[in-house]
Protein backbone atom coordinates (compact mmCIF):
# COMPACT_ATOMS: atom_id res chain seq x y z
CA UNK A 1 -121.05 -149.98 155.59
CA UNK A 2 -122.97 -149.42 152.36
CA UNK A 3 -124.61 -146.03 151.94
CA UNK A 4 -127.07 -144.74 149.36
CA UNK A 5 -126.34 -141.73 147.18
CA UNK A 6 -128.20 -140.08 144.32
CA UNK A 7 -126.91 -139.36 140.82
CA UNK A 8 -128.79 -136.73 138.82
CA UNK A 9 -128.60 -135.71 135.18
CA UNK A 10 -130.43 -133.55 132.69
CA UNK A 11 -130.53 -136.54 130.30
CA UNK A 12 -132.34 -138.95 132.59
CA UNK A 13 -134.00 -139.68 135.91
CA UNK A 14 -132.28 -139.43 139.29
CA UNK A 15 -130.57 -142.75 140.03
CA UNK A 16 -129.78 -144.62 143.23
CA UNK A 17 -126.10 -145.43 143.75
CA UNK A 18 -125.08 -147.65 146.66
CA UNK A 19 -121.49 -147.01 147.74
CA UNK A 20 -119.08 -148.97 149.93
CA UNK A 21 -115.91 -147.08 150.85
CA UNK A 22 -114.42 -143.88 149.53
CA UNK A 23 -113.50 -143.22 145.89
CA UNK A 24 -115.00 -146.36 144.29
CA UNK A 25 -113.42 -147.68 141.10
CA UNK A 26 -115.70 -150.71 140.62
CA UNK A 27 -119.29 -150.35 139.40
CA UNK A 28 -121.78 -153.19 139.73
CA UNK A 29 -124.86 -153.31 137.50
CA UNK A 30 -127.78 -155.59 138.36
CA UNK A 31 -129.83 -157.78 136.06
CA UNK A 32 -133.51 -157.48 135.14
CA UNK A 33 -136.01 -157.40 138.02
CA UNK A 34 -133.31 -156.59 140.59
CA UNK A 35 -131.68 -153.49 141.98
CA UNK A 36 -128.39 -152.34 143.47
CA UNK A 37 -128.92 -153.84 146.93
CA UNK A 38 -128.21 -157.34 145.55
CA UNK A 39 -124.52 -156.37 145.42
CA UNK A 40 -124.21 -155.25 149.08
CA UNK A 41 -122.57 -158.40 150.46
CA UNK A 42 -120.01 -158.53 147.64
CA UNK A 43 -119.29 -154.82 148.04
CA UNK A 44 -118.65 -155.31 151.76
CA UNK A 45 -116.35 -158.27 151.06
CA UNK A 46 -114.36 -156.15 148.60
CA UNK A 47 -114.23 -153.31 151.12
CA UNK A 48 -112.63 -155.73 153.61
CA UNK A 49 -109.91 -156.17 150.97
CA UNK A 50 -109.50 -152.41 150.61
CA UNK A 51 -111.48 -152.08 147.36
CA UNK A 52 -114.18 -149.39 147.29
CA UNK A 53 -117.11 -150.05 144.98
CA UNK A 54 -120.54 -148.81 143.96
CA UNK A 55 -123.71 -150.44 142.66
CA UNK A 56 -126.22 -148.70 140.42
CA UNK A 57 -129.98 -149.15 140.42
CA UNK A 58 -130.92 -148.64 136.79
CA UNK A 59 -133.84 -146.32 136.02
CA UNK A 60 -137.14 -147.80 137.12
CA UNK A 61 -135.44 -150.15 139.61
CA UNK A 62 -134.76 -149.94 143.35
CA UNK A 63 -134.51 -146.39 144.61
CA UNK A 64 -134.07 -144.86 141.15
CA UNK A 65 -136.76 -142.74 139.56
CA UNK A 66 -138.86 -143.96 136.66
CA UNK A 67 -140.72 -146.98 138.00
CA UNK A 68 -143.92 -145.74 136.33
CA UNK A 69 -142.21 -146.03 132.91
CA UNK A 70 -140.34 -149.29 133.45
CA UNK A 71 -141.94 -151.09 130.50
CA UNK A 72 -140.85 -148.30 128.14
CA UNK A 73 -137.13 -148.51 128.92
CA UNK A 74 -134.71 -150.24 126.58
CA UNK A 75 -131.11 -151.39 126.94
CA UNK A 76 -129.95 -148.05 125.49
CA UNK A 77 -131.55 -146.23 128.43
CA UNK A 78 -129.66 -148.42 130.89
CA UNK A 79 -126.38 -147.87 129.03
CA UNK A 80 -126.99 -144.13 129.43
CA UNK A 81 -127.50 -144.67 133.17
CA UNK A 82 -124.08 -146.31 133.43
CA UNK A 83 -122.42 -143.61 131.34
CA UNK A 84 -124.06 -140.95 133.52
CA UNK A 85 -122.58 -142.62 136.62
CA UNK A 86 -119.01 -143.25 135.46
CA UNK A 87 -117.68 -139.69 135.84
CA UNK A 88 -118.47 -139.77 139.57
CA UNK A 89 -116.15 -142.77 140.09
CA UNK A 90 -112.37 -143.12 140.18
CA UNK A 91 -111.03 -143.81 136.69
CA UNK A 92 -110.41 -146.32 135.28
CA UNK A 93 -113.61 -148.06 136.38
CA UNK A 94 -114.06 -151.82 136.40
CA UNK A 95 -117.60 -152.65 135.24
CA UNK A 96 -119.24 -155.80 136.61
CA UNK A 97 -122.70 -156.84 135.48
CA UNK A 98 -125.05 -159.72 136.11
CA UNK A 99 -127.30 -161.05 133.34
CA UNK A 100 -128.88 -158.02 131.61
CA UNK A 101 -126.40 -155.86 133.55
CA UNK A 102 -123.57 -157.73 131.85
CA UNK A 103 -124.89 -156.68 128.44
CA UNK A 104 -125.35 -153.12 129.67
CA UNK A 105 -121.73 -153.06 130.91
CA UNK A 106 -120.41 -154.44 127.61
CA UNK A 107 -122.26 -151.81 125.62
CA UNK A 108 -121.29 -148.99 127.98
CA UNK A 109 -117.63 -150.00 127.68
CA UNK A 110 -117.77 -149.27 123.94
CA UNK A 111 -119.02 -145.69 124.41
CA UNK A 112 -117.09 -142.51 125.24
CA UNK A 113 -117.63 -141.12 128.73
CA UNK A 114 -118.27 -137.40 128.88
CA UNK A 115 -116.90 -135.56 131.88
CA UNK A 116 -114.42 -138.31 132.78
């Protein structure tokens, strides 16, 4: 079963995090014009293999706050969303991104994670 959670931060909007299993160590990041729900079937398949995972809806997407400012967001904002989420997951985290989410994951992987 995939459940929705919320991730809050003083640096950004409240974000939707979809979670399959306990203590996820894989984070999926969607591409442009999508949101976290696109990863549900893959997350359930991984859960059948004993791998817990989570999928993030970037700000302005899916159930995350900020839809009214979507056109103002840049890749740097999305990288911050990923960095904000990482401390709530089991370290080390495997980042998986599709399209724009792939770029966001690559950039996030080069940054230090506070609170991890």
